[in-house]
Structure formats: structure tokens, C-alpha cells
């Protein structure tokens, strides 16, 4: 299945949902006015797109750092005969959100979230002992791009470059916790979705959601799309070794490409000298190869590797319990 199987209306609808809905009493009515259709058609098409697997998730997208959490990328070199066993051990960890196999000596990659860097290291130490393997953490030092959007245009005011600084966690009251639990569920596809928050009046829910957005805890209420079903069949992580005095310029150059959804400077470890990472999504090998040539020239990359995604094991947000 590809984006060619979608109608022009469905593509427009997905672009709106991917960018985030308005936090108002009748957000689907607003979308209908924007796209020139009825609320009923909006609701029916959203349900259909979810059933077809084109919409992976439709829920609140949270900033885990403002909730007192931290995360990092982790990798390991796993012998093929032990891959399924190790995959299962990693997949079952409660803090794992993304998990992939890639075509490299370091073939297992996943994102691990926890309450602190120390807790992440404790989890990895226990996992290493259990599996008899070395799991290496590559925490982000600087974010050059984080725009996981395949159809929606990125917001004009979104910063392209940001050094990662510690964020003070936001203190939540009981009403905010209730709303965050609601926003982590599948967002209701009904005319007045914010009236569905259990134990809270609609206007009170709206007020708390708007407040959480103002604080930055809630980024948006939006759809996460399945890029494979949109035709982005070739996905790869590009890792480059860039001198410290050039990494800012190189990261900024990579971030300008529409094919790049993530771009980070990360900490290295012995045996892994690559400090600049870019996640690239293309429709074909030809497009990927052409992009690599352009990226090399634009960012001045020297020593670099391409790690193609071989298999997606897990891709779902870490559910936080505020009870």
C-alpha cells in the first residue's frame, strides 16, 4: 500500500491530523470547514484510515523531559542465532519505545526512556548481565531536527538547532494528571472529543489541555502516520564522524533536507566514532543513493556509514502512569 491508494481528500486530512488538531470543543467541525466537507465524513475517514493502518496512533504527544523523564538511543551487536531471544528481552522492557534491526555489525537499536540517566544505566547493566552482551548508550548532545511529519508542513517557528539543556519538570495537579491519562488513550473520534474525559466537564478538560500546551508538556494532539504505508519503503540511519568544530554546520545542513526526520549530535563509545546521526526516509533505493550524494556535498561528510532498517520490532510511545 502506498500514498497512491489515498484520495486527495484523505491526503489533505492526514496532513491536518499529522500537524495537530485545534484544542476547541468541536475540532472535527473546524477541520471540515477547512477541507470543505461534513463532520461525518471526517469521522468516517479517520476510522477508515486507522483500520487500514495508515494512522498508527492518534493521541496526545508529550514532552517527556518536562515530565521528569530522560531517554537515549542504545545499540548492541547481537549474533544472528540469538537475535529473537535478545529482541524479546528488549521489547519487554517498559521504557522501550522504538526498536529496530539494522544492517550493520551493531544491528540492534532501540530508544530507552527512564526517570534518570542513572536508572537508564542500571537497566542496561541488568540487560547486559541477563543477555551476556554489551549495550552501549548514545545520549543526544544536540538536536538539529525533530520533525516526524510526512505530509504536514513543519511549523514556521520551530527551531532547527538546539543544544540539550536540563529541563525543570513541571509539577502536575490531579486534574492535569487525569487529562494526561486521557490524552495517552486513543483520541475519541466523535464530534465533541474533549467531553469524553472521564470525571471532568468538557470545558474544564479543554482548559487543562490548553494549559498543558502552554507549559510545553503537551506538544500537540495529532496522528502518527505509518510511513511504510505512505510509500516510504526505504529507511536508513546515516551516521557520520564529524570534527567538533564542524558538527553544528553539518547538522544544520542535514536538517534542511525534507527526507530527514531526526538529526542529532550524539555521544560516541569505543568502537563507534560516529557522532552525527540523521534518520532518512525515502521511497526507493535510487532516492536514498541520490540523497546521500547530495548530503555528502552539503554537509561535507567524510567518514560515514549507512544503516538501513531491516525490521521494525517496536514503535509505540512509553505510556506514563500518573496515578
Foldseek 3Di string as FASTA:
>chain_A
DAQVPPDPLLLVLQQAQAQFFDLDQFRLCVVCVVSVHDLVVSLVSVVVCVVVQQFVAFFWDFDVLLQQKFKWKKWWQDDPVCVVVLLVVVVPPLFWAWWFAWPDSRGIMTMGMDNDPVVVVVVQVVSCVVVVTHMDTWGFQKWQAAAQHDRYDDDPPDHRIGGDDRDHHDDDDPLLLLLLLQRQDGQDSDRGRQCPRPPDHSVSSSVSVVVCVVVRRTVHRHTRGDVVRNQQVWKKKKFFQDDPVQVVQLQNQVSPDPQWNTWGFIDADVPGRTGIITIGTHNDPVVVVVVVVVSCVRNVTDDMDIIITPDISHHHHNDDRPD
